[in-house]
Amino acid sequence: MLIEQLVHVLKLPEGVSVDSSSSDVKITGPRGDLSRNFKHASMKFEQGDNELKIIGNKLRKKEKALIGTWKAHLANMIKGVNQGFKYEMKIVFAHFPMKVVVKGNVVAIDNFLGEKDTRNSTIVGSAKVKVKGDIVTIEGNNVEEVGQTAGNLEKATIVKGRDTRVFQDGIYTISKGVAQ
């Protein structure tokens, strides 16, 4: 089934501006700017007073779904440059005290389950990682970078070869939300 025209409207908060003159959409706000490439033959952007319209012409089912995906990406970008994203993670250990340190764009995890080798987790993009006590805080404007950094930390502390009911050591996400 072919849909003639579909329009999604995104409201822009105060202090956020959008440049959608090319296929690279750049959103600027109080916390910085984000850009992403949105390119499709049957879809375009129109800017109005404090709003951004995503317009699709002669859409099939997949293009209609793609407009919804673009709307979600743009909403996350707007929220990121306006408020930012913050994940909090907890360092949990019962047997061997873990030492977690940020070194450049890597988080080093020492003494995980008594291991001599250091486990490393990469920090993606411009996400900022802070370790204070047993809480790890990840902040940034791009939700994908912040979420991937948190995922990398969880993956670096997977328990293998032991009973996970007994060895529940690791770094786990405890909250997700807005940075401010």
C-alpha atoms as a PDB file:
ATOM      1  CA  MET A   1       0.000   0.000   0.000  1.00  0.00           C
ATOM      2  CA  LEU A   2       1.330   3.407  -0.971  1.00  0.00           C
ATOM      3  CA  ILE A   3       0.836   6.448   1.290  1.00  0.00           C
ATOM      4  CA  GLU A   4       0.833   9.775  -0.570  1.00  0.00           C
ATOM      5  CA  GLN A   5       2.289  12.013   2.144  1.00  0.00           C
ATOM      6  CA  LEU A   6       3.218  11.594   5.799  1.00  0.00           C
ATOM      7  CA  VAL A   7       4.356  14.448   8.076  1.00  0.00           C
ATOM      8  CA  HIS A   8       5.883  14.154  11.551  1.00  0.00           C
ATOM      9  CA  VAL A   9       6.457  17.334  13.571  1.00  0.00           C
ATOM     10  CA  LEU A  10       9.123  17.751  16.263  1.00  0.00           C
ATOM     11  CA  LYS A  11       8.885  20.725  18.627  1.00  0.00           C
ATOM     12  CA  LEU A  12      12.167  22.489  19.368  1.00  0.00           C
ATOM     13  CA  PRO A  13      12.722  23.742  22.926  1.00  0.00           C
ATOM     14  CA  GLU A  14      14.009  27.241  23.659  1.00  0.00           C
ATOM     15  CA  GLY A  15      17.687  27.653  22.785  1.00  0.00           C
ATOM     16  CA  VAL A  16      17.852  24.722  20.342  1.00  0.00           C
ATOM     17  CA  SER A  17      18.403  25.354  16.631  1.00  0.00           C
ATOM     18  CA  VAL A  18      18.464  22.996  13.658  1.00  0.00           C
ATOM     19  CA  ASP A  19      20.321  23.221  10.355  1.00  0.00           C
ATOM     20  CA  SER A  20      18.719  20.790   7.890  1.00  0.00           C
ATOM     21  CA  SER A  21      19.845  22.409   4.648  1.00  0.00           C
ATOM     22  CA  SER A  22      21.694  19.259   3.522  1.00  0.00           C
ATOM     23  CA  SER A  23      21.294  15.565   4.309  1.00  0.00           C
ATOM     24  CA  ASP A  24      23.537  16.153   7.353  1.00  0.00           C
ATOM     25  CA  VAL A  25      21.249  17.527  10.067  1.00  0.00           C
ATOM     26  CA  LYS A  26      23.051  19.583  12.727  1.00  0.00           C
ATOM     27  CA  ILE A  27      21.335  20.354  16.017  1.00  0.00           C
ATOM     28  CA  THR A  28      22.842  23.000  18.300  1.00  0.00           C
ATOM     29  CA  GLY A  29      21.851  23.664  21.903  1.00  0.00           C
ATOM     30  CA  PRO A  30      23.165  24.890  25.240  1.00  0.00           C
ATOM     31  CA  ARG A  31      25.277  21.721  25.809  1.00  0.00           C
ATOM     32  CA  GLY A  32      26.890  21.657  22.358  1.00  0.00           C
ATOM     33  CA  ASP A  33      25.979  20.303  18.951  1.00  0.00           C
ATOM     34  CA  LEU A  34      25.277  16.938  17.327  1.00  0.00           C
ATOM     35  CA  SER A  35      25.054  16.021  13.670  1.00  0.00           C
ATOM     36  CA  ARG A  36      23.869  12.967  11.794  1.00  0.00           C
ATOM     37  CA  ASN A  37      23.311  12.019   8.172  1.00  0.00           C
ATOM     38  CA  PHE A  38      19.667  11.489   7.175  1.00  0.00           C
ATOM     39  CA  LYS A  39      19.448  10.739   3.458  1.00  0.00           C
ATOM     40  CA  HIS A  40      16.554   9.244   1.523  1.00  0.00           C
ATOM     41  CA  ALA A  41      15.121   9.989  -1.903  1.00  0.00           C
ATOM     42  CA  SER A  42      11.478  10.296  -0.837  1.00  0.00           C
ATOM     43  CA  MET A  43      11.952  12.105   2.498  1.00  0.00           C
ATOM     44  CA  LYS A  44      12.951  15.673   3.373  1.00  0.00           C
ATOM     45  CA  PHE A  45      13.002  18.172   6.236  1.00  0.00           C
ATOM     46  CA  GLU A  46      11.256  21.538   6.595  1.00  0.00           C
ATOM     47  CA  GLN A  47      11.964  24.052   9.330  1.00  0.00           C
ATOM     48  CA  GLY A  48       9.286  26.260  10.856  1.00  0.00           C
ATOM     49  CA  ASP A  49       8.892  28.395  13.952  1.00  0.00           C
ATOM     50  CA  ASN A  50      10.354  26.252  16.751  1.00  0.00           C
ATOM     51  CA  GLU A  51       9.564  23.035  14.912  1.00  0.00           C
ATOM     52  CA  LEU A  52      11.082  20.586  12.462  1.00  0.00           C
ATOM     53  CA  LYS A  53       8.914  18.653  10.024  1.00  0.00           C
ATOM     54  CA  ILE A  54       9.872  15.301   8.518  1.00  0.00           C
ATOM     55  CA  ILE A  55       7.958  14.926   5.260  1.00  0.00           C
ATOM     56  CA  GLY A  56       7.699  11.745   3.236  1.00  0.00           C
ATOM     57  CA  ASN A  57       6.100  11.444  -0.193  1.00  0.00           C
ATOM     58  CA  LYS A  58       4.790   8.233  -1.783  1.00  0.00           C
ATOM     59  CA  LEU A  59       5.922   5.987   1.053  1.00  0.00           C
ATOM     60  CA  ARG A  60       5.838   2.233   1.343  1.00  0.00           C
ATOM     61  CA  LYS A  61       5.778   0.369   4.668  1.00  0.00           C
ATOM     62  CA  LYS A  62       9.575   0.436   5.207  1.00  0.00           C
ATOM     63  CA  GLU A  63       9.878   4.163   4.475  1.00  0.00           C
ATOM     64  CA  LYS A  64       7.003   4.875   6.860  1.00  0.00           C
ATOM     65  CA  ALA A  65       8.873   2.957   9.585  1.00  0.00           C
ATOM     66  CA  LEU A  66      12.063   4.839   8.697  1.00  0.00           C
ATOM     67  CA  ILE A  67      10.335   8.181   9.332  1.00  0.00           C
ATOM     68  CA  GLY A  68       9.445   6.995  12.847  1.00  0.00           C
ATOM     69  CA  THR A  69      13.061   5.940  13.402  1.00  0.00           C
ATOM     70  CA  TRP A  70      14.328   9.328  12.196  1.00  0.00           C
ATOM     71  CA  LYS A  71      11.875  11.072  14.520  1.00  0.00           C
ATOM     72  CA  ALA A  72      13.218   9.068  17.485  1.00  0.00           C
ATOM     73  CA  HIS A  73      16.855   9.817  16.546  1.00  0.00           C
ATOM     74  CA  LEU A  74      16.123  13.535  16.185  1.00  0.00           C
ATOM     75  CA  ALA A  75      14.213  13.619  19.490  1.00  0.00           C
ATOM     76  CA  ASN A  76      17.222  12.015  21.233  1.00  0.00           C
ATOM     77  CA  MET A  77      19.576  14.515  19.584  1.00  0.00           C
ATOM     78  CA  ILE A  78      17.395  17.441  20.699  1.00  0.00           C
ATOM     79  CA  LYS A  79      17.217  16.076  24.250  1.00  0.00           C
ATOM     80  CA  GLY A  80      20.978  15.502  24.237  1.00  0.00           C
ATOM     81  CA  VAL A  81      21.988  19.041  23.256  1.00  0.00           C
ATOM     82  CA  ASN A  82      19.388  20.507  25.612  1.00  0.00           C
ATOM     83  CA  GLN A  83      19.731  18.310  28.740  1.00  0.00           C
ATOM     84  CA  GLY A  84      22.218  15.497  28.076  1.00  0.00           C
ATOM     85  CA  PHE A  85      22.153  11.869  29.166  1.00  0.00           C
ATOM     86  CA  LYS A  86      23.481  10.232  32.330  1.00  0.00           C
ATOM     87  CA  TYR A  87      23.910   6.570  33.275  1.00  0.00           C
ATOM     88  CA  GLU A  88      24.887   5.472  36.773  1.00  0.00           C
ATOM     89  CA  MET A  89      26.497   2.103  37.349  1.00  0.00           C
ATOM     90  CA  LYS A  90      27.426   0.285  40.544  1.00  0.00           C
ATOM     91  CA  ILE A  91      30.634  -1.650  41.121  1.00  0.00           C
ATOM     92  CA  VAL A  92      29.689  -4.878  42.910  1.00  0.00           C
ATOM     93  CA  PHE A  93      32.174  -7.316  44.422  1.00  0.00           C
ATOM     94  CA  ALA A  94      31.962  -9.885  47.197  1.00  0.00           C
ATOM     95  CA  HIS A  95      35.217 -11.811  46.965  1.00  0.00           C
ATOM     96  CA  PHE A  96      37.978  -9.598  45.584  1.00  0.00           C
ATOM     97  CA  PRO A  97      37.946  -5.775  45.787  1.00  0.00           C
ATOM     98  CA  MET A  98      37.913  -4.333  42.266  1.00  0.00           C
ATOM     99  CA  LYS A  99      39.853  -1.212  41.339  1.00  0.00           C
ATOM    100  CA  VAL A 100      38.272   0.834  38.532  1.00  0.00           C
ATOM    101  CA  VAL A 101      40.258   3.725  37.028  1.00  0.00           C
ATOM    102  CA  VAL A 102      39.717   5.946  33.970  1.00  0.00           C
ATOM    103  CA  LYS A 103      42.853   6.187  31.797  1.00  0.00           C
ATOM    104  CA  GLY A 104      42.288   8.401  28.748  1.00  0.00           C
ATOM    105  CA  ASN A 105      39.594   6.782  26.598  1.00  0.00           C
ATOM    106  CA  VAL A 106      39.766   3.435  28.453  1.00  0.00           C
ATOM    107  CA  VAL A 107      38.354   2.293  31.795  1.00  0.00           C
ATOM    108  CA  ALA A 108      40.822  -0.105  33.465  1.00  0.00           C
ATOM    109  CA  ILE A 109      39.397  -2.769  35.799  1.00  0.00           C
ATOM    110  CA  ASP A 110      42.000  -4.362  38.077  1.00  0.00           C
ATOM    111  CA  ASN A 111      41.658  -7.415  40.366  1.00  0.00           C
ATOM    112  CA  PHE A 112      38.324  -8.581  38.908  1.00  0.00           C
ATOM    113  CA  LEU A 113      37.713 -11.943  40.613  1.00  0.00           C
ATOM    114  CA  GLY A 114      41.365 -11.925  41.696  1.00  0.00           C
ATOM    115  CA  GLU A 115      42.707 -11.928  38.139  1.00  0.00           C
ATOM    116  CA  LYS A 116      46.219 -10.595  37.586  1.00  0.00           C
ATOM    117  CA  ASP A 117      45.416  -9.170  34.144  1.00  0.00           C
ATOM    118  CA  THR A 118      43.708  -5.810  33.750  1.00  0.00           C
ATOM    119  CA  ARG A 119      40.393  -5.823  31.914  1.00  0.00           C
ATOM    120  CA  ASN A 120      39.802  -2.774  29.710  1.00  0.00           C
ATOM    121  CA  SER A 121      36.596  -1.159  28.519  1.00  0.00           C
ATOM    122  CA  THR A 122      36.590   1.519  25.830  1.00  0.00           C
ATOM    123  CA  ILE A 123      34.877   4.881  26.206  1.00  0.00           C
ATOM    124  CA  VAL A 124      32.915   5.609  23.037  1.00  0.00           C
ATOM    125  CA  GLY A 125      33.012   9.060  21.416  1.00  0.00           C
ATOM    126  CA  SER A 126      32.768  12.074  23.686  1.00  0.00           C
ATOM    127  CA  ALA A 127      31.176  10.339  26.695  1.00  0.00           C
ATOM    128  CA  LYS A 128      32.659  11.344  30.067  1.00  0.00           C
ATOM    129  CA  VAL A 129      33.238   8.665  32.727  1.00  0.00           C
ATOM    130  CA  LYS A 130      33.774   9.430  36.425  1.00  0.00           C
ATOM    131  CA  VAL A 131      34.443   6.887  39.172  1.00  0.00           C
ATOM    132  CA  LYS A 132      33.650   7.866  42.763  1.00  0.00           C
ATOM    133  CA  GLY A 133      33.656   5.120  45.367  1.00  0.00           C
ATOM    134  CA  ASP A 134      31.576   2.252  44.018  1.00  0.00           C
ATOM    135  CA  ILE A 135      29.541   4.427  41.584  1.00  0.00           C
ATOM    136  CA  VAL A 136      30.518   4.954  37.941  1.00  0.00           C
ATOM    137  CA  THR A 137      28.836   7.920  36.221  1.00  0.00           C
ATOM    138  CA  ILE A 138      28.711   8.204  32.432  1.00  0.00           C
ATOM    139  CA  GLU A 139      27.527  11.492  30.898  1.00  0.00           C
ATOM    140  CA  GLY A 140      27.287  12.852  27.385  1.00  0.00           C
ATOM    141  CA  ASN A 141      25.123  14.467  24.735  1.00  0.00           C
ATOM    142  CA  ASN A 142      24.820  11.442  22.432  1.00  0.00           C
ATOM    143  CA  VAL A 143      22.621   8.709  23.916  1.00  0.00           C
ATOM    144  CA  GLU A 144      24.186   6.057  21.683  1.00  0.00           C
ATOM    145  CA  GLU A 145      27.715   6.825  22.897  1.00  0.00           C
ATOM    146  CA  VAL A 146      26.667   6.912  26.557  1.00  0.00           C
ATOM    147  CA  GLY A 147      24.697   3.661  26.264  1.00  0.00           C
ATOM    148  CA  GLN A 148      27.469   1.859  24.366  1.00  0.00           C
ATOM    149  CA  THR A 149      30.057   2.931  26.958  1.00  0.00           C
ATOM    150  CA  ALA A 150      27.829   1.505  29.717  1.00  0.00           C
ATOM    151  CA  GLY A 151      27.388  -1.696  27.709  1.00  0.00           C
ATOM    152  CA  ASN A 152      31.154  -1.999  27.249  1.00  0.00           C
ATOM    153  CA  LEU A 153      31.653  -1.726  31.034  1.00  0.00           C
ATOM    154  CA  GLU A 154      29.074  -4.435  31.738  1.00  0.00           C
ATOM    155  CA  LYS A 155      30.546  -6.697  29.067  1.00  0.00           C
ATOM    156  CA  ALA A 156      34.085  -6.275  30.407  1.00  0.00           C
ATOM    157  CA  THR A 157      33.027  -7.724  33.767  1.00  0.00           C
ATOM    158  CA  ILE A 158      31.159 -10.844  32.645  1.00  0.00           C
ATOM    159  CA  VAL A 159      31.786 -13.800  34.959  1.00  0.00           C
ATOM    160  CA  LYS A 160      32.856 -16.899  33.034  1.00  0.00           C
ATOM    161  CA  GLY A 161      33.665 -20.364  34.330  1.00  0.00           C
ATOM    162  CA  ARG A 162      32.119 -19.821  37.758  1.00  0.00           C
ATOM    163  CA  ASP A 163      28.666 -20.173  39.267  1.00  0.00           C
ATOM    164  CA  THR A 164      26.952 -16.804  38.637  1.00  0.00           C
ATOM    165  CA  ARG A 165      24.633 -17.381  41.599  1.00  0.00           C
ATOM    166  CA  VAL A 166      27.669 -17.207  43.882  1.00  0.00           C
ATOM    167  CA  PHE A 167      29.943 -14.866  41.921  1.00  0.00           C
ATOM    168  CA  GLN A 168      27.757 -11.839  41.258  1.00  0.00           C
ATOM    169  CA  ASP A 169      30.720  -9.491  40.879  1.00  0.00           C
ATOM    170  CA  GLY A 170      30.632  -6.921  38.080  1.00  0.00           C
ATOM    171  CA  ILE A 171      29.621  -3.416  37.083  1.00  0.00           C
ATOM    172  CA  TYR A 172      25.860  -3.025  36.615  1.00  0.00           C
ATOM    173  CA  THR A 173      23.589  -0.197  35.426  1.00  0.00           C
ATOM    174  CA  ILE A 174      21.410   1.138  38.234  1.00  0.00           C
ATOM    175  CA  SER A 175      19.863   4.235  36.639  1.00  0.00           C
ATOM    176  CA  LYS A 176      19.440   6.013  33.302  1.00  0.00           C
ATOM    177  CA  GLY A 177      18.213   9.530  32.842  1.00  0.00           C
ATOM    178  CA  VAL A 178      18.834  13.181  32.125  1.00  0.00           C
ATOM    179  CA  ALA A 179      22.227  14.711  33.009  1.00  0.00           C
ATOM    180  CA  GLN A 180      20.964  17.937  34.579  1.00  0.00           C
END
